[in-house]
C-alpha atoms as a PDB file:
ATOM      1  CA  MET A   1      98.016 164.227 129.216  1.00  0.00           C
ATOM      2  CA  LYS A   2      99.577 162.954 132.416  1.00  0.00           C
ATOM      3  CA  ASN A   3      96.895 160.292 132.648  1.00  0.00           C
ATOM      4  CA  LEU A   4      97.639 159.238 129.058  1.00  0.00           C
ATOM      5  CA  GLU A   5     101.360 159.164 129.763  1.00  0.00           C
ATOM      6  CA  THR A   6     100.778 156.657 132.567  1.00  0.00           C
ATOM      7  CA  ILE A   7      98.404 154.539 130.489  1.00  0.00           C
ATOM      8  CA  VAL A   8     100.553 154.309 127.327  1.00  0.00           C
ATOM      9  CA  PRO A   9     103.321 152.165 128.918  1.00  0.00           C
ATOM     10  CA  LEU A  10     100.695 149.783 130.316  1.00  0.00           C
ATOM     11  CA  ILE A  11      99.035 149.443 126.921  1.00  0.00           C
ATOM     12  CA  GLU A  12     102.380 148.973 125.192  1.00  0.00           C
ATOM     13  CA  GLU A  13     103.411 146.358 127.745  1.00  0.00           C
ATOM     14  CA  ARG A  14     100.144 144.519 127.209  1.00  0.00           C
ATOM     15  CA  ARG A  15     100.562 144.806 123.421  1.00  0.00           C
ATOM     16  CA  GLN A  16     103.994 143.198 123.629  1.00  0.00           C
ATOM     17  CA  GLU A  17     102.649 140.421 125.861  1.00  0.00           C
ATOM     18  CA  LEU A  18      99.814 139.680 123.457  1.00  0.00           C
ATOM     19  CA  PHE A  19     102.178 139.884 120.485  1.00  0.00           C
ATOM     20  CA  MET A  20     104.556 137.349 122.012  1.00  0.00           C
ATOM     21  CA  GLN A  21     101.641 135.177 123.080  1.00  0.00           C
ATOM     22  CA  GLY A  22     100.327 135.261 119.501  1.00  0.00           C
ATOM     23  CA  ILE A  23     103.714 134.202 118.147  1.00  0.00           C
ATOM     24  CA  THR A  24     103.968 131.416 120.726  1.00  0.00           C
ATOM     25  CA  ASP A  25     100.424 130.192 120.023  1.00  0.00           C
ATOM     26  CA  SER A  26     101.072 130.299 116.271  1.00  0.00           C
ATOM     27  CA  LEU A  27     104.270 128.305 116.680  1.00  0.00           C
ATOM     28  CA  ILE A  28     102.534 125.734 118.877  1.00  0.00           C
ATOM     29  CA  PHE A  29      99.640 125.423 116.407  1.00  0.00           C
ATOM     30  CA  SER A  30     102.066 125.158 113.485  1.00  0.00           C
ATOM     31  CA  CYS A  31     104.109 122.490 115.270  1.00  0.00           C
ATOM     32  CA  ILE A  32     100.975 120.495 116.152  1.00  0.00           C
ATOM     33  CA  SER A  33      99.667 120.815 112.576  1.00  0.00           C
ATOM     34  CA  PHE A  34     103.036 119.786 111.164  1.00  0.00           C
ATOM     35  CA  LEU A  35     103.214 116.841 113.549  1.00  0.00           C
ATOM     36  CA  VAL A  36      99.708 115.658 112.588  1.00  0.00           C
ATOM     37  CA  ILE A  37     100.478 116.008 108.873  1.00  0.00           C
ATOM     38  CA  PHE A  38     103.805 114.239 109.372  1.00  0.00           C
ATOM     39  CA  ILE A  39     102.163 111.333 111.219  1.00  0.00           C
ATOM     40  CA  VAL A  40      99.425 110.988 108.571  1.00  0.00           C
ATOM     41  CA  LEU A  41     102.028 111.141 105.805  1.00  0.00           C
ATOM     42  CA  LEU A  42     104.169 108.585 107.620  1.00  0.00           C
ATOM     43  CA  ILE A  43     101.205 106.202 107.921  1.00  0.00           C
ATOM     44  CA  VAL A  44     100.362 106.628 104.218  1.00  0.00           C
ATOM     45  CA  LEU A  45     103.987 106.083 103.180  1.00  0.00           C
ATOM     46  CA  LYS A  46     104.328 103.098 105.501  1.00  0.00           C
ATOM     47  CA  ASN A  47     101.229 101.435 104.031  1.00  0.00           C
ATOM     48  CA  PHE A  48     102.403 102.190 100.488  1.00  0.00           C
ATOM     49  CA  TYR A  49     105.930 100.882 100.982  1.00  0.00           C
ATOM     50  CA  GLU A  50     104.649  97.982 103.098  1.00  0.00           C
ATOM     51  CA  LYS A  51     102.788  96.733 100.031  1.00  0.00           C
ATOM     52  CA  LYS A  52     105.730  97.374  97.692  1.00  0.00           C
ATOM     53  CA  PHE A  53     108.101  95.550 100.045  1.00  0.00           C
ATOM     54  CA  SER A  54     105.723  92.613 100.414  1.00  0.00           C
ATOM     55  CA  PHE A  55     105.240  92.358  96.646  1.00  0.00           C
ATOM     56  CA  TYR A  56     109.018  92.552  96.112  1.00  0.00           C
ATOM     57  CA  ILE A  57     109.709  89.691  98.535  1.00  0.00           C
ATOM     58  CA  LYS A  58     106.966  87.516  97.036  1.00  0.00           C
ATOM     59  CA  LYS A  59     108.206  88.112  93.501  1.00  0.00           C
ATOM     60  CA  LYS A  60     111.704  87.108  94.583  1.00  0.00           C
ATOM     61  CA  ILE A  61     110.408  83.936  96.233  1.00  0.00           C
ATOM     62  CA  PHE A  62     107.861  82.685  93.712  1.00  0.00           C
ATOM     63  CA  ASN A  63     109.393  83.761  90.421  1.00  0.00           C
ATOM     64  CA  SER A  64     112.823  82.328  91.229  1.00  0.00           C
ATOM     65  CA  ILE A  65     111.914  79.181  93.216  1.00  0.00           C
ATOM     66  CA  LYS A  66     109.052  77.339  91.538  1.00  0.00           C
ATOM     67  CA  ASN A  67     109.010  74.285  93.792  1.00  0.00           C
ATOM     68  CA  LEU A  68     109.265  75.121  97.482  1.00  0.00           C
ATOM     69  CA  PRO A  69     109.724  72.264  99.987  1.00  0.00           C
ATOM     70  CA  GLN A  70     106.941  73.762 102.146  1.00  0.00           C
ATOM     71  CA  LEU A  71     104.520  73.482  99.202  1.00  0.00           C
ATOM     72  CA  GLU A  72     105.115  69.858  98.286  1.00  0.00           C
ATOM     73  CA  GLY A  73     102.986  68.724  95.368  1.00  0.00           C
ATOM     74  CA  ILE A  74     102.196  72.311  94.413  1.00  0.00           C
ATOM     75  CA  GLU A  75     104.047  74.032  91.581  1.00  0.00           C
ATOM     76  CA  ILE A  76     103.960  77.825  91.432  1.00  0.00           C
ATOM     77  CA  ILE A  77     103.863  78.734  87.732  1.00  0.00           C
ATOM     78  CA  GLU A  78     103.670  82.507  88.101  1.00  0.00           C
ATOM     79  CA  TYR A  79     103.116  85.234  90.689  1.00  0.00           C
ATOM     80  CA  LYS A  80     101.877  88.765  89.931  1.00  0.00           C
ATOM     81  CA  ASP A  81     101.250  91.571  92.379  1.00  0.00           C
ATOM     82  CA  LYS A  82      98.147  93.071  90.703  1.00  0.00           C
ATOM     83  CA  GLY A  83      95.641  92.264  87.967  1.00  0.00           C
ATOM     84  CA  ARG A  84      91.996  92.205  86.859  1.00  0.00           C
ATOM     85  CA  ASN A  85      91.437  88.520  86.133  1.00  0.00           C
ATOM     86  CA  PHE A  86      87.973  88.116  87.636  1.00  0.00           C
ATOM     87  CA  GLU A  87      86.430  91.562  87.164  1.00  0.00           C
ATOM     88  CA  ASN A  88      84.265  90.818  84.107  1.00  0.00           C
ATOM     89  CA  VAL A  89      82.947  87.545  85.532  1.00  0.00           C
ATOM     90  CA  LEU A  90      82.135  89.039  88.937  1.00  0.00           C
ATOM     91  CA  ARG A  91      80.298  92.003  87.369  1.00  0.00           C
ATOM     92  CA  GLU A  92      77.687  89.563  86.116  1.00  0.00           C
ATOM     93  CA  TYR A  93      76.895  88.503  89.685  1.00  0.00           C
ATOM     94  CA  TYR A  94      77.822  91.490  91.884  1.00  0.00           C
ATOM     95  CA  ASP A  95      77.040  95.204  91.757  1.00  0.00           C
ATOM     96  CA  PHE A  96      80.249  97.121  92.542  1.00  0.00           C
ATOM     97  CA  ASN A  97      82.092 100.318  91.622  1.00  0.00           C
ATOM     98  CA  VAL A  98      85.604  99.531  92.847  1.00  0.00           C
ATOM     99  CA  TYR A  99      87.564  96.381  91.991  1.00  0.00           C
ATOM    100  CA  ASN A 100      90.912  95.543  93.598  1.00  0.00           C
ATOM    101  CA  GLU A 101      92.884  92.380  92.911  1.00  0.00           C
ATOM    102  CA  GLU A 102      96.340  91.524  94.185  1.00  0.00           C
ATOM    103  CA  ASP A 103      98.591  88.595  95.084  1.00  0.00           C
ATOM    104  CA  ILE A 104      97.786  86.572  91.986  1.00  0.00           C
ATOM    105  CA  PHE A 105      99.042  82.997  91.966  1.00  0.00           C
ATOM    106  CA  LEU A 106      98.896  80.685  88.983  1.00  0.00           C
ATOM    107  CA  PHE A 107      99.819  77.231  90.252  1.00  0.00           C
ATOM    108  CA  LYS A 108      99.589  73.605  89.250  1.00  0.00           C
ATOM    109  CA  LEU A 109      97.966  71.025  91.491  1.00  0.00           C
ATOM    110  CA  LYS A 110      97.550  67.429  90.272  1.00  0.00           C
ATOM    111  CA  ASN A 111      98.462  68.632  86.756  1.00  0.00           C
ATOM    112  CA  ILE A 112      95.573  71.116  86.780  1.00  0.00           C
ATOM    113  CA  GLN A 113      96.258  74.862  86.524  1.00  0.00           C
ATOM    114  CA  ILE A 114      94.464  76.955  89.130  1.00  0.00           C
ATOM    115  CA  LEU A 115      94.288  80.735  89.405  1.00  0.00           C
ATOM    116  CA  MET A 116      94.002  82.279  92.860  1.00  0.00           C
ATOM    117  CA  SER A 117      94.089  85.878  94.061  1.00  0.00           C
ATOM    118  CA  GLU A 118      92.896  88.268  96.736  1.00  0.00           C
ATOM    119  CA  VAL A 119      89.908  90.343  95.621  1.00  0.00           C
ATOM    120  CA  GLN A 120      87.977  93.211  97.179  1.00  0.00           C
ATOM    121  CA  LEU A 121      84.713  94.548  95.745  1.00  0.00           C
ATOM    122  CA  GLN A 122      83.259  97.864  96.927  1.00  0.00           C
ATOM    123  CA  LYS A 123      80.010  99.637  96.106  1.00  0.00           C
ATOM    124  CA  GLN A 124      79.549 103.395  96.287  1.00  0.00           C
ATOM    125  CA  GLU A 125      76.584 104.716  98.239  1.00  0.00           C
ATOM    126  CA  GLY A 126      75.454 108.338  98.403  1.00  0.00           C
ATOM    127  CA  SER A 127      77.194 111.302  96.794  1.00  0.00           C
ATOM    128  CA  GLY A 128      79.209 114.362  97.718  1.00  0.00           C
ATOM    129  CA  LYS A 129      79.878 114.612 101.434  1.00  0.00           C
ATOM    130  CA  ASN A 130      77.604 111.629 102.045  1.00  0.00           C
ATOM    131  CA  ARG A 131      79.517 109.369  99.663  1.00  0.00           C
ATOM    132  CA  ARG A 132      80.894 106.177 101.165  1.00  0.00           C
ATOM    133  CA  TYR A 133      82.123 102.810  99.964  1.00  0.00           C
ATOM    134  CA  ILE A 134      80.692  99.557 101.270  1.00  0.00           C
ATOM    135  CA  THR A 135      82.738  96.368 100.969  1.00  0.00           C
ATOM    136  CA  ILE A 136      80.510  93.698  99.474  1.00  0.00           C
ATOM    137  CA  PHE A 137      83.209  91.049  99.166  1.00  0.00           C
ATOM    138  CA  ARG A 138      86.721  90.657 100.482  1.00  0.00           C
ATOM    139  CA  GLY A 139      88.636  87.423 100.283  1.00  0.00           C
ATOM    140  CA  VAL A 140      90.209  84.841  97.998  1.00  0.00           C
ATOM    141  CA  VAL A 141      88.852  83.915  94.570  1.00  0.00           C
ATOM    142  CA  TYR A 142      89.823  80.627  92.901  1.00  0.00           C
ATOM    143  CA  ARG A 143      89.317  79.581  89.293  1.00  0.00           C
ATOM    144  CA  ILE A 144      89.435  75.882  88.425  1.00  0.00           C
ATOM    145  CA  PRO A 145      88.361  73.948  85.300  1.00  0.00           C
ATOM    146  CA  GLU A 146      84.737  72.850  85.618  1.00  0.00           C
ATOM    147  CA  LYS A 147      85.511  69.301  84.493  1.00  0.00           C
ATOM    148  CA  THR A 148      87.606  68.707  87.635  1.00  0.00           C
ATOM    149  CA  PHE A 149      85.094  70.224  90.021  1.00  0.00           C
ATOM    150  CA  ALA A 150      83.149  68.303  92.678  1.00  0.00           C
ATOM    151  CA  PHE A 151      80.966  70.145  95.186  1.00  0.00           C
ATOM    152  CA  TYR A 152      80.388  68.974  98.736  1.00  0.00           C
ATOM    153  CA  PRO A 153      77.418  70.769 100.376  1.00  0.00           C
ATOM    154  CA  ASP A 154      79.011  70.726 103.834  1.00  0.00           C
ATOM    155  CA  LEU A 155      81.931  72.890 102.680  1.00  0.00           C
ATOM    156  CA  ARG A 156      81.760  76.477 103.904  1.00  0.00           C
ATOM    157  CA  VAL A 157      82.377  78.878 101.038  1.00  0.00           C
ATOM    158  CA  GLY A 158      80.978  82.285 100.210  1.00  0.00           C
ATOM    159  CA  ASN A 159      79.777  81.555  96.692  1.00  0.00           C
ATOM    160  CA  ILE A 160      80.369  79.295  93.715  1.00  0.00           C
ATOM    161  CA  ILE A 161      79.982  80.555  90.146  1.00  0.00           C
ATOM    162  CA  SER A 162      79.965  78.488  86.965  1.00  0.00           C
ATOM    163  CA  HIS A 163      81.067  80.473  83.926  1.00  0.00           C
ATOM    164  CA  MET A 164      82.294  79.382  80.481  1.00  0.00           C
ATOM    165  CA  GLY A 165      83.914  76.104  81.484  1.00  0.00           C
ATOM    166  CA  TYR A 166      85.349  77.310  84.797  1.00  0.00           C
ATOM    167  CA  ILE A 167      84.225  77.269  88.399  1.00  0.00           C
ATOM    168  CA  TYR A 168      84.907  80.395  90.466  1.00  0.00           C
ATOM    169  CA  ILE A 169      84.990  79.856  94.222  1.00  0.00           C
ATOM    170  CA  LEU A 170      84.740  82.939  96.461  1.00  0.00           C
ATOM    171  CA  ARG A 171      86.128  82.408  99.949  1.00  0.00           C
ATOM    172  CA  PRO A 172      85.529  85.389 102.279  1.00  0.00           C
ATOM    173  CA  LYS A 173      88.417  86.626 104.440  1.00  0.00           C
ATOM    174  CA  ASN A 174      88.445  89.688 106.689  1.00  0.00           C
ATOM    175  CA  LYS A 175      92.161  90.506 106.503  1.00  0.00           C
ATOM    176  CA  ASP A 176      94.968  90.884 103.991  1.00  0.00           C
ATOM    177  CA  LEU A 177      96.679  87.600 103.300  1.00  0.00           C
ATOM    178  CA  PHE A 178     100.214  86.673 102.315  1.00  0.00           C
ATOM    179  CA  GLU A 179     101.739  89.855 103.770  1.00  0.00           C
ATOM    180  CA  LEU A 180     105.275  90.444 105.029  1.00  0.00           C
ATOM    181  CA  SER A 181     105.878  93.467 107.251  1.00  0.00           C
ATOM    182  CA  LEU A 182     108.291  96.225 106.301  1.00  0.00           C
ATOM    183  CA  LEU A 183     108.968  96.884 110.000  1.00  0.00           C
ATOM    184  CA  LYS A 184     109.726  93.296 110.998  1.00  0.00           C
ATOM    185  CA  LYS A 185     112.985  91.572 110.276  1.00  0.00           C
ATOM    186  CA  VAL A 186     112.636  88.857 107.656  1.00  0.00           C
ATOM    187  CA  ASN A 187     113.657  85.544 109.186  1.00  0.00           C
ATOM    188  CA  THR A 188     113.025  81.843 108.725  1.00  0.00           C
ATOM    189  CA  GLU A 189     110.092  81.831 111.168  1.00  0.00           C
ATOM    190  CA  ASN A 190     107.963  84.519 109.542  1.00  0.00           C
ATOM    191  CA  LEU A 191     108.736  83.184 106.059  1.00  0.00           C
ATOM    192  CA  HIS A 192     107.641  79.744 107.271  1.00  0.00           C
ATOM    193  CA  ASN A 193     104.389  81.197 108.668  1.00  0.00           C
ATOM    194  CA  PHE A 194     103.815  83.075 105.425  1.00  0.00           C
ATOM    195  CA  LEU A 195     104.250  79.908 103.348  1.00  0.00           C
ATOM    196  CA  ASN A 196     101.967  77.957 105.689  1.00  0.00           C
ATOM    197  CA  GLU A 197      99.232  80.553 105.160  1.00  0.00           C
ATOM    198  CA  LEU A 198      99.691  80.288 101.404  1.00  0.00           C
ATOM    199  CA  LYS A 199      99.695  76.489 101.588  1.00  0.00           C
ATOM    200  CA  GLU A 200      96.444  76.440 103.597  1.00  0.00           C
ATOM    201  CA  ASN A 201      94.692  78.590 100.991  1.00  0.00           C
ATOM    202  CA  ILE A 202      95.998  76.480  98.117  1.00  0.00           C
ATOM    203  CA  GLU A 203      95.158  73.159  99.779  1.00  0.00           C
ATOM    204  CA  PHE A 204      91.627  74.390 100.467  1.00  0.00           C
ATOM    205  CA  ILE A 205      90.892  73.907  96.770  1.00  0.00           C
ATOM    206  CA  LYS A 206      91.784  70.198  96.946  1.00  0.00           C
ATOM    207  CA  LYS A 207      88.387  69.599  98.563  1.00  0.00           C
ATOM    208  CA  PHE A 208      86.701  70.415  95.264  1.00  0.00           C
ATOM    209  CA  TYR A 209      88.439  67.814  93.119  1.00  0.00           C
ATOM    210  CA  GLN A 210      86.613  64.808  91.775  1.00  0.00           C
END
C-alpha cells in the first residue's frame, strides 16, 4: 500500500499535466482551424464582393454616361454584368459543360451595333474525386453584322465564326478584363487605365470593317 501511496500522486500529477496539455493542444488546433477557415472565407468573400463592386462601378459609369471623352467615336448603348448571349452559337463549335459570360457591352461604332463580352468555356473531365474542369476558351467574344465584316489573314485572333448573318470573333485573353479593385481607392488614374483597356478591346474590332 505504501508503494501505491507514493505512486498515486505521481500518476495524478502526470494526469493533470496531460489534461492541461490536451486542452492547450485542442485550443491551438481550434485556433489554427478557425484562422484557416477565416482566411479562406475572407478570400471567398473578397472575390465575391470584388466582382459586385466592379459591376456596380461599371453600371454607374456606362449606364449614366453614354458618351465618354476617352471613348471618342464610340457610343455605349448598354452595359450588363452577366448574360448568355453567345452560348447557343458556341455550343455548335465547342464542347463544354460550363459557360460563363460577364461584362457585356452593346456599343455603336460607325453606326453599327456591336456586342462584346468576356466569355469562359470549361469542359468537365473525369468523375467523382477525379473530376476536373479544363478551360477551353477564355477571352473576349465580339458579334458584328456579317455585311460589315472584312477579314485580314495577318490579324491574330483565336477563331472566327459565321452564323446567321453575324460574325463572331473570339479573342483569347488569359486574365479578367475591365476590373476595378475593391481594395484600391478609386481615382482618376485607375479609371483612366480601365477606360483605356476597354477602348483597346473595342478599337480592335475596327480592323474587321470593310
